[in-house]
PDB file of N, CA and C in Angstrom:
ATOM      1  N   MET A   1      92.188  99.164 123.624  1.00  0.00           N
ATOM      2  CA  MET A   1      93.100  98.079 123.292  1.00  0.00           C
ATOM      3  C   MET A   1      94.496  98.471 123.755  1.00  0.00           C
ATOM      4  N   HIS A   2      95.137  97.625 124.500  1.00  0.00           N
ATOM      5  CA  HIS A   2      96.434  97.942 125.069  1.00  0.00           C
ATOM      6  C   HIS A   2      97.580  97.432 124.218  1.00  0.00           C
ATOM      7  N   GLY A   3      97.355  96.457 123.383  1.00  0.00           N
ATOM      8  CA  GLY A   3      98.416  95.886 122.566  1.00  0.00           C
ATOM      9  C   GLY A   3      98.531  96.586 121.231  1.00  0.00           C
ATOM     10  N   SER A   4      99.330  96.032 120.390  1.00  0.00           N
ATOM     11  CA  SER A   4      99.470  96.555 119.030  1.00  0.00           C
ATOM     12  C   SER A   4      99.591  95.385 118.076  1.00  0.00           C
ATOM     13  N   LEU A   5      99.436  95.680 116.792  1.00  0.00           N
ATOM     14  CA  LEU A   5      99.484  94.647 115.773  1.00  0.00           C
ATOM     15  C   LEU A   5     100.228  95.175 114.560  1.00  0.00           C
ATOM     16  N   ASN A   6     101.187  94.431 114.091  1.00  0.00           N
ATOM     17  CA  ASN A   6     101.938  94.767 112.889  1.00  0.00           C
ATOM     18  C   ASN A   6     101.759  93.596 111.931  1.00  0.00           C
ATOM     19  N   LYS A   7     100.765  93.688 111.041  1.00  0.00           N
ATOM     20  CA  LYS A   7     100.451  92.589 110.130  1.00  0.00           C
ATOM     21  C   LYS A   7     100.102  93.157 108.772  1.00  0.00           C
ATOM     22  N   VAL A   8     100.685  92.561 107.741  1.00  0.00           N
ATOM     23  CA  VAL A   8     100.466  92.998 106.366  1.00  0.00           C
ATOM     24  C   VAL A   8     100.001  91.801 105.549  1.00  0.00           C
ATOM     25  N   LEU A   9      98.949  91.998 104.754  1.00  0.00           N
ATOM     26  CA  LEU A   9      98.455  90.988 103.823  1.00  0.00           C
ATOM     27  C   LEU A   9      98.424  91.622 102.444  1.00  0.00           C
ATOM     28  N   LEU A  10      99.121  91.016 101.486  1.00  0.00           N
ATOM     29  CA  LEU A  10      99.189  91.565 100.130  1.00  0.00           C
ATOM     30  C   LEU A  10      98.988  90.463  99.106  1.00  0.00           C
ATOM     31  N   ILE A  11      98.301  90.795  98.020  1.00  0.00           N
ATOM     32  CA  ILE A  11      98.234  89.936  96.843  1.00  0.00           C
ATOM     33  C   ILE A  11      98.729  90.781  95.686  1.00  0.00           C
ATOM     34  N   GLY A  12      99.748  90.286  94.990  1.00  0.00           N
ATOM     35  CA  GLY A  12     100.294  91.044  93.875  1.00  0.00           C
ATOM     36  C   GLY A  12     101.161  90.189  92.975  1.00  0.00           C
ATOM     37  N   ASN A  13     101.733  90.837  91.971  1.00  0.00           N
ATOM     38  CA  ASN A  13     102.568  90.161  90.983  1.00  0.00           C
ATOM     39  C   ASN A  13     104.021  90.592  91.130  1.00  0.00           C
ATOM     40  N   LEU A  14     104.935  89.613  91.008  1.00  0.00           N
ATOM     41  CA  LEU A  14     106.356  89.917  91.094  1.00  0.00           C
ATOM     42  C   LEU A  14     106.771  90.786  89.916  1.00  0.00           C
ATOM     43  N   GLY A  15     107.562  91.825  90.219  1.00  0.00           N
ATOM     44  CA  GLY A  15     108.055  92.719  89.180  1.00  0.00           C
ATOM     45  C   GLY A  15     109.304  92.196  88.502  1.00  0.00           C
ATOM     46  N   ASP A  16     109.993  91.268  89.134  1.00  0.00           N
ATOM     47  CA  ASP A  16     111.208  90.675  88.589  1.00  0.00           C
ATOM     48  C   ASP A  16     111.466  89.367  89.324  1.00  0.00           C
ATOM     49  N   ASP A  17     112.408  88.579  88.838  1.00  0.00           N
ATOM     50  CA  ASP A  17     112.783  87.363  89.549  1.00  0.00           C
ATOM     51  C   ASP A  17     113.347  87.739  90.918  1.00  0.00           C
ATOM     52  N   PRO A  18     113.171  86.879  91.914  1.00  0.00           N
ATOM     53  CA  PRO A  18     113.706  87.173  93.243  1.00  0.00           C
ATOM     54  C   PRO A  18     115.234  87.297  93.224  1.00  0.00           C
ATOM     55  N   GLU A  19     115.726  88.154  94.107  1.00  0.00           N
ATOM     56  CA  GLU A  19     117.169  88.319  94.304  1.00  0.00           C
ATOM     57  C   GLU A  19     117.552  87.509  95.532  1.00  0.00           C
ATOM     58  N   VAL A  20     118.558  86.646  95.396  1.00  0.00           N
ATOM     59  CA  VAL A  20     118.966  85.760  96.483  1.00  0.00           C
ATOM     60  C   VAL A  20     120.371  86.141  96.939  1.00  0.00           C
ATOM     61  N   ARG A  21     120.533  86.313  98.254  1.00  0.00           N
ATOM     62  CA  ARG A  21     121.840  86.617  98.836  1.00  0.00           C
ATOM     63  C   ARG A  21     122.154  85.561  99.882  1.00  0.00           C
ATOM     64  N   PRO A  22     123.200  84.787  99.648  1.00  0.00           N
ATOM     65  CA  PRO A  22     123.577  83.785 100.657  1.00  0.00           C
ATOM     66  C   PRO A  22     124.250  84.452 101.857  1.00  0.00           C
ATOM     67  N   PHE A  23     124.004  83.890 103.029  1.00  0.00           N
ATOM     68  CA  PHE A  23     124.617  84.338 104.268  1.00  0.00           C
ATOM     69  C   PHE A  23     125.183  83.133 104.985  1.00  0.00           C
ATOM     70  N   GLU A  24     125.936  83.382 106.023  1.00  0.00           N
ATOM     71  CA  GLU A  24     126.586  82.319 106.781  1.00  0.00           C
ATOM     72  C   GLU A  24     125.581  81.289 107.289  1.00  0.00           C
ATOM     73  N   HIS A  25     124.405  81.747 107.725  1.00  0.00           N
ATOM     74  CA  HIS A  25     123.416  80.839 108.317  1.00  0.00           C
ATOM     75  C   HIS A  25     122.166  80.717 107.449  1.00  0.00           C
ATOM     76  N   GLY A  26     122.306  80.785 106.144  1.00  0.00           N
ATOM     77  CA  GLY A  26     121.150  80.644 105.269  1.00  0.00           C
ATOM     78  C   GLY A  26     121.193  81.618 104.117  1.00  0.00           C
ATOM     79  N   LYS A  27     120.035  82.113 103.755  1.00  0.00           N
ATOM     80  CA  LYS A  27     119.955  83.047 102.633  1.00  0.00           C
ATOM     81  C   LYS A  27     118.865  84.058 102.888  1.00  0.00           C
ATOM     82  N   LEU A  28     118.962  85.155 102.151  1.00  0.00           N
ATOM     83  CA  LEU A  28     117.966  86.216 102.193  1.00  0.00           C
ATOM     84  C   LEU A  28     117.422  86.368 100.784  1.00  0.00           C
ATOM     85  N   VAL A  29     116.107  86.326 100.641  1.00  0.00           N
ATOM     86  CA  VAL A  29     115.473  86.478  99.334  1.00  0.00           C
ATOM     87  C   VAL A  29     114.675  87.774  99.354  1.00  0.00           C
ATOM     88  N   ARG A  30     114.876  88.594  98.324  1.00  0.00           N
ATOM     89  CA  ARG A  30     114.149  89.853  98.174  1.00  0.00           C
ATOM     90  C   ARG A  30     113.438  89.856  96.826  1.00  0.00           C
ATOM     91  N   PHE A  31     112.230  90.399  96.829  1.00  0.00           N
ATOM     92  CA  PHE A  31     111.521  90.635  95.570  1.00  0.00           C
ATOM     93  C   PHE A  31     110.509  91.745  95.796  1.00  0.00           C
ATOM     94  N   ARG A  32     110.043  92.314  94.712  1.00  0.00           N
ATOM     95  CA  ARG A  32     109.035  93.373  94.792  1.00  0.00           C
ATOM     96  C   ARG A  32     107.764  92.876  94.131  1.00  0.00           C
ATOM     97  N   ILE A  33     106.630  93.220  94.745  1.00  0.00           N
ATOM     98  CA  ILE A  33     105.348  92.885  94.126  1.00  0.00           C
ATOM     99  C   ILE A  33     104.555  94.163  93.895  1.00  0.00           C
ATOM    100  N   ALA A  34     103.754  94.120  92.848  1.00  0.00           N
ATOM    101  CA  ALA A  34     102.892  95.245  92.490  1.00  0.00           C
ATOM    102  C   ALA A  34     101.465  94.910  92.892  1.00  0.00           C
ATOM    103  N   THR A  35     100.810  95.880  93.535  1.00  0.00           N
ATOM    104  CA  THR A  35      99.381  95.780  93.801  1.00  0.00           C
ATOM    105  C   THR A  35      98.695  96.881  93.009  1.00  0.00           C
ATOM    106  N   ASN A  36      97.532  96.575  92.464  1.00  0.00           N
ATOM    107  CA  ASN A  36      96.823  97.504  91.586  1.00  0.00           C
ATOM    108  C   ASN A  36      95.489  97.911  92.194  1.00  0.00           C
ATOM    109  N   GLU A  37      95.115  99.144  91.921  1.00  0.00           N
ATOM    110  CA  GLU A  37      93.846  99.686  92.392  1.00  0.00           C
ATOM    111  C   GLU A  37      93.237 100.480  91.239  1.00  0.00           C
ATOM    112  N   SER A  38      91.953 100.328  91.032  1.00  0.00           N
ATOM    113  CA  SER A  38      91.242 101.077  89.992  1.00  0.00           C
ATOM    114  C   SER A  38      90.022 101.748  90.601  1.00  0.00           C
ATOM    115  N   TYR A  39      89.748 102.962  90.142  1.00  0.00           N
ATOM    116  CA  TYR A  39      88.559 103.675  90.591  1.00  0.00           C
ATOM    117  C   TYR A  39      88.163 104.687  89.527  1.00  0.00           C
ATOM    118  N   THR A  40      86.958 105.203  89.645  1.00  0.00           N
ATOM    119  CA  THR A  40      86.467 106.227  88.728  1.00  0.00           C
ATOM    120  C   THR A  40      86.447 107.556  89.473  1.00  0.00           C
ATOM    121  N   ASN A  41      87.088 108.568  88.887  1.00  0.00           N
ATOM    122  CA  ASN A  41      87.154 109.871  89.555  1.00  0.00           C
ATOM    123  C   ASN A  41      85.864 110.660  89.319  1.00  0.00           C
ATOM    124  N   LYS A  42      85.813 111.890  89.843  1.00  0.00           N
ATOM    125  CA  LYS A  42      84.608 112.714  89.751  1.00  0.00           C
ATOM    126  C   LYS A  42      84.228 113.044  88.314  1.00  0.00           C
ATOM    127  N   GLU A  43      85.219 113.067  87.417  1.00  0.00           N
ATOM    128  CA  GLU A  43      84.962 113.372  86.006  1.00  0.00           C
ATOM    129  C   GLU A  43      84.546 112.134  85.208  1.00  0.00           C
ATOM    130  N   GLY A  44      84.455 110.981  85.875  1.00  0.00           N
ATOM    131  CA  GLY A  44      84.040 109.755  85.211  1.00  0.00           C
ATOM    132  C   GLY A  44      85.175 109.005  84.528  1.00  0.00           C
ATOM    133  N   GLN A  45      86.416 109.436  84.746  1.00  0.00           N
ATOM    134  CA  GLN A  45      87.562 108.761  84.151  1.00  0.00           C
ATOM    135  C   GLN A  45      88.014 107.609  85.044  1.00  0.00           C
ATOM    136  N   ARG A  46      88.372 106.517  84.399  1.00  0.00           N
ATOM    137  CA  ARG A  46      88.902 105.374  85.148  1.00  0.00           C
ATOM    138  C   ARG A  46      90.376 105.651  85.463  1.00  0.00           C
ATOM    139  N   ILE A  47      90.724 105.533  86.729  1.00  0.00           N
ATOM    140  CA  ILE A  47      92.087 105.759  87.188  1.00  0.00           C
ATOM    141  C   ILE A  47      92.659 104.430  87.670  1.00  0.00           C
ATOM    142  N   ASP A  48      93.816 104.064  87.148  1.00  0.00           N
ATOM    143  CA  ASP A  48      94.535 102.861  87.578  1.00  0.00           C
ATOM    144  C   ASP A  48      95.776 103.303  88.330  1.00  0.00           C
ATOM    145  N   HIS A  49      96.007 102.698  89.488  1.00  0.00           N
ATOM    146  CA  HIS A  49      97.163 103.054  90.306  1.00  0.00           C
ATOM    147  C   HIS A  49      97.874 101.779  90.751  1.00  0.00           C
ATOM    148  N   THR A  50      99.202 101.776  90.651  1.00  0.00           N
ATOM    149  CA  THR A  50     100.019 100.642  91.070  1.00  0.00           C
ATOM    150  C   THR A  50     100.945 101.066  92.201  1.00  0.00           C
ATOM    151  N   ASP A  51     100.988 100.269  93.262  1.00  0.00           N
ATOM    152  CA  ASP A  51     101.945 100.451  94.350  1.00  0.00           C
ATOM    153  C   ASP A  51     102.922  99.288  94.322  1.00  0.00           C
ATOM    154  N   TRP A  52     104.190  99.574  94.627  1.00  0.00           N
ATOM    155  CA  TRP A  52     105.230  98.548  94.686  1.00  0.00           C
ATOM    156  C   TRP A  52     105.626  98.316  96.126  1.00  0.00           C
ATOM    157  N   HIS A  53     105.778  97.049  96.507  1.00  0.00           N
ATOM    158  CA  HIS A  53     106.091  96.660  97.872  1.00  0.00           C
ATOM    159  C   HIS A  53     107.341  95.777  97.872  1.00  0.00           C
ATOM    160  N   SER A  54     108.290  96.106  98.724  1.00  0.00           N
ATOM    161  CA  SER A  54     109.518  95.315  98.862  1.00  0.00           C
ATOM    162  C   SER A  54     109.282  94.208  99.879  1.00  0.00           C
ATOM    163  N   ILE A  55     109.553  92.978  99.461  1.00  0.00           N
ATOM    164  CA  ILE A  55     109.336  91.801 100.302  1.00  0.00           C
ATOM    165  C   ILE A  55     110.694  91.197 100.650  1.00  0.00           C
ATOM    166  N   VAL A  56     110.865  90.813 101.914  1.00  0.00           N
ATOM    167  CA  VAL A  56     112.092  90.184 102.385  1.00  0.00           C
ATOM    168  C   VAL A  56     111.721  88.849 103.026  1.00  0.00           C
ATOM    169  N   VAL A  57     112.415  87.778 102.607  1.00  0.00           N
ATOM    170  CA  VAL A  57     112.181  86.442 103.159  1.00  0.00           C
ATOM    171  C   VAL A  57     113.515  85.923 103.675  1.00  0.00           C
ATOM    172  N   HIS A  58     113.553  85.574 104.960  1.00  0.00           N
ATOM    173  CA  HIS A  58     114.801  85.036 105.509  1.00  0.00           C
ATOM    174  C   HIS A  58     114.615  83.701 106.219  1.00  0.00           C
ATOM    175  N   ARG A  59     113.376  83.258 106.366  1.00  0.00           N
ATOM    176  CA  ARG A  59     113.121  81.955 106.994  1.00  0.00           C
ATOM    177  C   ARG A  59     113.589  80.852 106.059  1.00  0.00           C
ATOM    178  N   LYS A  60     114.378  79.920 106.551  1.00  0.00           N
ATOM    179  CA  LYS A  60     115.075  78.937 105.738  1.00  0.00           C
ATOM    180  C   LYS A  60     114.201  78.231 104.701  1.00  0.00           C
ATOM    181  N   GLY A  61     113.217  77.510 105.102  1.00  0.00           N
ATOM    182  CA  GLY A  61     112.407  76.756 104.146  1.00  0.00           C
ATOM    183  C   GLY A  61     111.659  77.647 103.170  1.00  0.00           C
ATOM    184  N   LEU A  62     111.117  78.742 103.666  1.00  0.00           N
ATOM    185  CA  LEU A  62     110.358  79.656 102.817  1.00  0.00           C
ATOM    186  C   LEU A  62     111.269  80.363 101.814  1.00  0.00           C
ATOM    187  N   ALA A  63     112.463  80.752 102.241  1.00  0.00           N
ATOM    188  CA  ALA A  63     113.415  81.381 101.329  1.00  0.00           C
ATOM    189  C   ALA A  63     113.796  80.423 100.202  1.00  0.00           C
ATOM    190  N   ASP A  64     113.984  79.144 100.533  1.00  0.00           N
ATOM    191  CA  ASP A  64     114.315  78.139  99.508  1.00  0.00           C
ATOM    192  C   ASP A  64     113.202  78.011  98.481  1.00  0.00           C
ATOM    193  N   ILE A  65     111.940  77.967  98.939  1.00  0.00           N
ATOM    194  CA  ILE A  65     110.787  77.857  98.043  1.00  0.00           C
ATOM    195  C   ILE A  65     110.706  79.080  97.131  1.00  0.00           C
ATOM    196  N   CYS A  66     110.886  80.271  97.697  1.00  0.00           N
ATOM    197  CA  CYS A  66     110.830  81.498  96.897  1.00  0.00           C
ATOM    198  C   CYS A  66     111.908  81.484  95.818  1.00  0.00           C
ATOM    199  N   GLU A  67     113.105  81.070  96.196  1.00  0.00           N
ATOM    200  CA  GLU A  67     114.207  81.013  95.229  1.00  0.00           C
ATOM    201  C   GLU A  67     113.907  80.026  94.101  1.00  0.00           C
ATOM    202  N   LEU A  68     113.367  78.869  94.440  1.00  0.00           N
ATOM    203  CA  LEU A  68     113.136  77.821  93.449  1.00  0.00           C
ATOM    204  C   LEU A  68     111.958  78.080  92.527  1.00  0.00           C
ATOM    205  N   TYR A  69     110.862  78.636  93.050  1.00  0.00           N
ATOM    206  CA  TYR A  69     109.617  78.642  92.304  1.00  0.00           C
ATOM    207  C   TYR A  69     109.095  80.011  91.865  1.00  0.00           C
ATOM    208  N   LEU A  70     109.490  81.088  92.513  1.00  0.00           N
ATOM    209  CA  LEU A  70     108.932  82.390  92.134  1.00  0.00           C
ATOM    210  C   LEU A  70     109.696  82.998  90.965  1.00  0.00           C
ATOM    211  N   ARG A  71     108.947  83.581  90.040  1.00  0.00           N
ATOM    212  CA  ARG A  71     109.523  84.236  88.866  1.00  0.00           C
ATOM    213  C   ARG A  71     108.726  85.501  88.555  1.00  0.00           C
ATOM    214  N   LYS A  72     109.332  86.359  87.770  1.00  0.00           N
ATOM    215  CA  LYS A  72     108.705  87.605  87.343  1.00  0.00           C
ATOM    216  C   LYS A  72     107.308  87.327  86.791  1.00  0.00           C
ATOM    217  N   GLY A  73     106.334  88.126  87.229  1.00  0.00           N
ATOM    218  CA  GLY A  73     104.963  87.995  86.756  1.00  0.00           C
ATOM    219  C   GLY A  73     104.090  87.075  87.577  1.00  0.00           C
ATOM    220  N   HIS A  74     104.678  86.211  88.411  1.00  0.00           N
ATOM    221  CA  HIS A  74     103.873  85.297  89.227  1.00  0.00           C
ATOM    222  C   HIS A  74     103.067  86.069  90.265  1.00  0.00           C
ATOM    223  N   LYS A  75     101.868  85.583  90.507  1.00  0.00           N
ATOM    224  CA  LYS A  75     100.982  86.177  91.513  1.00  0.00           C
ATOM    225  C   LYS A  75     101.166  85.442  92.831  1.00  0.00           C
ATOM    226  N   VAL A  76     101.323  86.220  93.925  1.00  0.00           N
ATOM    227  CA  VAL A  76     101.533  85.634  95.245  1.00  0.00           C
ATOM    228  C   VAL A  76     100.682  86.355  96.285  1.00  0.00           C
ATOM    229  N   PHE A  77     100.358  85.615  97.338  1.00  0.00           N
ATOM    230  CA  PHE A  77      99.762  86.175  98.545  1.00  0.00           C
ATOM    231  C   PHE A  77     100.866  86.157  99.597  1.00  0.00           C
ATOM    232  N   VAL A  78     101.163  87.317 100.177  1.00  0.00           N
ATOM    233  CA  VAL A  78     102.235  87.451 101.158  1.00  0.00           C
ATOM    234  C   VAL A  78     101.634  87.924 102.470  1.00  0.00           C
ATOM    235  N   GLU A  79     102.045  87.269 103.550  1.00  0.00           N
ATOM    236  CA  GLU A  79     101.645  87.686 104.893  1.00  0.00           C
ATOM    237  C   GLU A  79     102.906  87.939 105.702  1.00  0.00           C
ATOM    238  N   GLY A  80     102.955  89.084 106.361  1.00  0.00           N
ATOM    239  CA  GLY A  80     104.153  89.397 107.136  1.00  0.00           C
ATOM    240  C   GLY A  80     103.945  90.623 107.996  1.00  0.00           C
ATOM    241  N   ARG A  81     105.060  91.313 108.273  1.00  0.00           N
ATOM    242  CA  ARG A  81     105.021  92.496 109.127  1.00  0.00           C
ATOM    243  C   ARG A  81     105.920  93.566 108.527  1.00  0.00           C
ATOM    244  N   LEU A  82     105.589  94.826 108.792  1.00  0.00           N
ATOM    245  CA  LEU A  82     106.383  95.940 108.290  1.00  0.00           C
ATOM    246  C   LEU A  82     107.611  96.149 109.155  1.00  0.00           C
ATOM    247  N   LYS A  83     108.733  96.419 108.489  1.00  0.00           N
ATOM    248  CA  LYS A  83     109.969  96.791 109.183  1.00  0.00           C
ATOM    249  C   LYS A  83     110.581  97.948 108.417  1.00  0.00           C
ATOM    250  N   THR A  84     111.010  98.959 109.136  1.00  0.00           N
ATOM    251  CA  THR A  84     111.683 100.100 108.521  1.00  0.00           C
ATOM    252  C   THR A  84     113.133 100.091 108.965  1.00  0.00           C
ATOM    253  N   ARG A  85     114.032 100.213 108.014  1.00  0.00           N
ATOM    254  CA  ARG A  85     115.450 100.278 108.335  1.00  0.00           C
ATOM    255  C   ARG A  85     116.003 101.601 107.817  1.00  0.00           C
ATOM    256  N   SER A  86     117.114 102.014 108.377  1.00  0.00           N
ATOM    257  CA  SER A  86     117.731 103.260 107.949  1.00  0.00           C
ATOM    258  C   SER A  86     119.228 103.054 107.801  1.00  0.00           C
ATOM    259  N   TRP A  87     119.840 103.879 106.978  1.00  0.00           N
ATOM    260  CA  TRP A  87     121.286 103.841 106.779  1.00  0.00           C
ATOM    261  C   TRP A  87     121.742 105.217 106.311  1.00  0.00           C
ATOM    262  N   VAL A  88     123.028 105.457 106.451  1.00  0.00           N
ATOM    263  CA  VAL A  88     123.633 106.711 106.013  1.00  0.00           C
ATOM    264  C   VAL A  88     124.532 106.398 104.830  1.00  0.00           C
ATOM    265  N   ASP A  89     124.336 107.131 103.718  1.00  0.00           N
ATOM    266  CA  ASP A  89     125.146 106.891 102.526  1.00  0.00           C
ATOM    267  C   ASP A  89     126.517 107.563 102.655  1.00  0.00           C
ATOM    268  N   ASP A  90     127.339 107.409 101.616  1.00  0.00           N
ATOM    269  CA  ASP A  90     128.702 107.948 101.628  1.00  0.00           C
ATOM    270  C   ASP A  90     128.744 109.468 101.753  1.00  0.00           C
ATOM    271  N   GLN A  91     127.679 110.146 101.337  1.00  0.00           N
ATOM    272  CA  GLN A  91     127.616 111.603 101.429  1.00  0.00           C
ATOM    273  C   GLN A  91     127.030 112.082 102.763  1.00  0.00           C
ATOM    274  N   GLY A  92     126.705 111.150 103.647  1.00  0.00           N
ATOM    275  CA  GLY A  92     126.178 111.524 104.953  1.00  0.00           C
ATOM    276  C   GLY A  92     124.669 111.701 105.003  1.00  0.00           C
ATOM    277  N   HIS A  93     123.961 111.360 103.929  1.00  0.00           N
ATOM    278  CA  HIS A  93     122.501 111.488 103.900  1.00  0.00           C
ATOM    279  C   HIS A  93     121.861 110.239 104.498  1.00  0.00           C
ATOM    280  N   LYS A  94     120.866 110.453 105.349  1.00  0.00           N
ATOM    281  CA  LYS A  94     120.154 109.329 105.958  1.00  0.00           C
ATOM    282  C   LYS A  94     119.013 108.892 105.042  1.00  0.00           C
ATOM    283  N   HIS A  95     118.888 107.596 104.833  1.00  0.00           N
ATOM    284  CA  HIS A  95     117.842 107.011 103.994  1.00  0.00           C
ATOM    285  C   HIS A  95     117.020 106.029 104.822  1.00  0.00           C
ATOM    286  N   TYR A  96     115.762 105.858 104.414  1.00  0.00           N
ATOM    287  CA  TYR A  96     114.852 104.927 105.078  1.00  0.00           C
ATOM    288  C   TYR A  96     114.238 104.012 104.032  1.00  0.00           C
ATOM    289  N   SER A  97     113.989 102.779 104.428  1.00  0.00           N
ATOM    290  CA  SER A  97     113.315 101.826 103.557  1.00  0.00           C
ATOM    291  C   SER A  97     112.346 101.010 104.406  1.00  0.00           C
ATOM    292  N   THR A  98     111.097 100.922 103.954  1.00  0.00           N
ATOM    293  CA  THR A  98     110.103 100.103 104.644  1.00  0.00           C
ATOM    294  C   THR A  98     109.856  98.858 103.808  1.00  0.00           C
ATOM    295  N   GLU A  99     109.970  97.710 104.459  1.00  0.00           N
ATOM    296  CA  GLU A  99     109.845  96.420 103.780  1.00  0.00           C
ATOM    297  C   GLU A  99     108.825  95.549 104.506  1.00  0.00           C
ATOM    298  N   VAL A 100     108.292  94.576 103.784  1.00  0.00           N
ATOM    299  CA  VAL A 100     107.432  93.565 104.381  1.00  0.00           C
ATOM    300  C   VAL A 100     108.304  92.341 104.639  1.00  0.00           C
ATOM    301  N   HIS A 101     108.466  91.975 105.914  1.00  0.00           N
ATOM    302  CA  HIS A 101     109.200  90.761 106.257  1.00  0.00           C
ATOM    303  C   HIS A 101     108.201  89.611 106.256  1.00  0.00           C
ATOM    304  N   CYS A 102     108.347  88.754 105.282  1.00  0.00           N
ATOM    305  CA  CYS A 102     107.372  87.714 104.969  1.00  0.00           C
ATOM    306  C   CYS A 102     107.466  86.544 105.947  1.00  0.00           C
ATOM    307  N   ASP A 103     106.321  86.186 106.536  1.00  0.00           N
ATOM    308  CA  ASP A 103     106.219  85.016 107.403  1.00  0.00           C
ATOM    309  C   ASP A 103     105.571  83.834 106.681  1.00  0.00           C
ATOM    310  N   GLU A 104     104.645  84.143 105.779  1.00  0.00           N
ATOM    311  CA  GLU A 104     103.937  83.108 105.008  1.00  0.00           C
ATOM    312  C   GLU A 104     103.737  83.604 103.590  1.00  0.00           C
ATOM    313  N   MET A 105     103.695  82.654 102.647  1.00  0.00           N
ATOM    314  CA  MET A 105     103.512  83.004 101.246  1.00  0.00           C
ATOM    315  C   MET A 105     102.716  81.904 100.572  1.00  0.00           C
ATOM    316  N   THR A 106     101.762  82.303  99.743  1.00  0.00           N
ATOM    317  CA  THR A 106     100.999  81.356  98.935  1.00  0.00           C
ATOM    318  C   THR A 106     101.189  81.721  97.475  1.00  0.00           C
ATOM    319  N   MET A 107     101.618  80.756  96.677  1.00  0.00           N
ATOM    320  CA  MET A 107     101.775  80.976  95.240  1.00  0.00           C
ATOM    321  C   MET A 107     100.399  80.872  94.596  1.00  0.00           C
ATOM    322  N   LEU A 108      99.948  81.937  93.979  1.00  0.00           N
ATOM    323  CA  LEU A 108      98.631  81.947  93.356  1.00  0.00           C
ATOM    324  C   LEU A 108      98.701  81.650  91.865  1.00  0.00           C
ATOM    325  N   THR A 109      99.890  81.765  91.283  1.00  0.00           N
ATOM    326  CA  THR A 109     100.079  81.340  89.900  1.00  0.00           C
ATOM    327  C   THR A 109     100.115  79.823  89.925  1.00  0.00           C
ATOM    328  N   GLY A 110      99.262  79.197  89.148  1.00  0.00           N
ATOM    329  CA  GLY A 110      99.148  77.741  89.175  1.00  0.00           C
ATOM    330  C   GLY A 110     100.389  77.034  88.677  1.00  0.00           C
ATOM    331  N   LYS A 111     100.471  75.758  88.959  1.00  0.00           N
ATOM    332  CA  LYS A 111     101.633  74.953  88.555  1.00  0.00           C
ATOM    333  C   LYS A 111     101.824  74.970  87.051  1.00  0.00           C
ATOM    334  N   THR A 112     100.746  74.920  86.291  1.00  0.00           N
ATOM    335  CA  THR A 112     100.853  74.941  84.833  1.00  0.00           C
ATOM    336  C   THR A 112     101.480  76.243  84.370  1.00  0.00           C
ATOM    337  N   ASP A 113     101.082  77.350  84.992  1.00  0.00           N
ATOM    338  CA  ASP A 113     101.615  78.654  84.610  1.00  0.00           C
ATOM    339  C   ASP A 113     103.061  78.825  85.046  1.00  0.00           C
ATOM    340  N   ARG A 114     103.481  78.140  86.119  1.00  0.00           N
ATOM    341  CA  ARG A 114     104.861  78.245  86.604  1.00  0.00           C
ATOM    342  C   ARG A 114     105.802  77.385  85.795  1.00  0.00           C
ATOM    343  N   ASN A 115     105.302  76.241  85.261  1.00  0.00           N
ATOM    344  CA  ASN A 115     106.160  75.292  84.572  1.00  0.00           C
ATOM    345  C   ASN A 115     105.429  74.761  83.349  1.00  0.00           C
ATOM    346  N   PRO A 116     105.682  75.353  82.157  1.00  0.00           N
ATOM    347  CA  PRO A 116     104.942  74.972  80.967  1.00  0.00           C
ATOM    348  C   PRO A 116     105.137  73.522  80.538  1.00  0.00           C
ATOM    349  N   THR A 117     106.159  72.834  81.049  1.00  0.00           N
ATOM    350  CA  THR A 117     106.392  71.447  80.662  1.00  0.00           C
ATOM    351  C   THR A 117     105.785  70.468  81.653  1.00  0.00           C
ATOM    352  N   SER A 118     104.886  70.951  82.525  1.00  0.00           N
ATOM    353  CA  SER A 118     104.354  70.104  83.590  1.00  0.00           C
ATOM    354  C   SER A 118     103.262  69.152  83.122  1.00  0.00           C
ATOM    355  N   GLY A 119     102.845  69.261  81.868  1.00  0.00           N
ATOM    356  CA  GLY A 119     101.841  68.331  81.374  1.00  0.00           C
ATOM    357  C   GLY A 119     100.425  68.727  81.716  1.00  0.00           C
ATOM    358  N   GLY A 120     100.176  70.025  81.951  1.00  0.00           N
ATOM    359  CA  GLY A 120      98.811  70.500  82.145  1.00  0.00           C
ATOM    360  C   GLY A 120      98.220  70.216  83.491  1.00  0.00           C
ATOM    361  N   GLU A 121      99.002  70.301  84.547  1.00  0.00           N
ATOM    362  CA  GLU A 121      98.454  70.085  85.881  1.00  0.00           C
ATOM    363  C   GLU A 121      97.431  71.167  86.203  1.00  0.00           C
ATOM    364  N   GLU A 122      96.602  70.882  87.171  1.00  0.00           N
ATOM    365  CA  GLU A 122      95.554  71.799  87.580  1.00  0.00           C
ATOM    366  C   GLU A 122      96.145  73.127  88.049  1.00  0.00           C
ATOM    367  N   ASN A 123      95.480  74.235  87.733  1.00  0.00           N
ATOM    368  CA  ASN A 123      95.949  75.578  88.047  1.00  0.00           C
ATOM    369  C   ASN A 123      95.460  76.008  89.427  1.00  0.00           C
ATOM    370  N   THR A 124      96.123  75.493  90.489  1.00  0.00           N
ATOM    371  CA  THR A 124      95.743  75.847  91.857  1.00  0.00           C
ATOM    372  C   THR A 124      96.934  76.429  92.585  1.00  0.00           C
ATOM    373  N   GLY A 125      96.659  77.211  93.622  1.00  0.00           N
ATOM    374  CA  GLY A 125      97.722  77.824  94.400  1.00  0.00           C
ATOM    375  C   GLY A 125      98.331  76.843  95.388  1.00  0.00           C
ATOM    376  N   ASP A 126      99.564  77.108  95.794  1.00  0.00           N
ATOM    377  CA  ASP A 126     100.264  76.299  96.794  1.00  0.00           C
ATOM    378  C   ASP A 126     100.595  77.187  97.976  1.00  0.00           C
ATOM    379  N   SER A 127     100.227  76.771  99.182  1.00  0.00           N
ATOM    380  CA  SER A 127     100.483  77.570 100.377  1.00  0.00           C
ATOM    381  C   SER A 127     101.755  77.100 101.047  1.00  0.00           C
ATOM    382  N   ILE A 128     102.605  78.071 101.392  1.00  0.00           N
ATOM    383  CA  ILE A 128     103.855  77.765 102.073  1.00  0.00           C
ATOM    384  C   ILE A 128     103.897  78.619 103.333  1.00  0.00           C
ATOM    385  N   SER A 129     104.101  77.992 104.481  1.00  0.00           N
ATOM    386  CA  SER A 129     104.216  78.779 105.713  1.00  0.00           C
ATOM    387  C   SER A 129     105.290  78.194 106.597  1.00  0.00           C
TER     388      SER A 129
END
């Protein structure tokens, strides 16, 4: 194979409400999601492990949807690509951060769970791309 592929698919729960930063040409939305894994080790003990993933949304329509509808605890499906950025702090130390730049997002927490005053609408996911 001569090409390459940078694609990430995650299903997880938001750890906090999204952080929104306005910019001259739109906004940037950041949030973290937790993914969980469980397995049984050699001693027969159940092990639960959680990984946290930083998500960045900058596409205009998708950023607006994330700002309006996503809240702490909501389950989402995120599709995007990995990007690593680096910076130097005030003490001269170089830092790295790897983030998922979101291209598509599906809200898996149903409408009833997102808005308790909705009158009991069906609990289905909404896809945003």
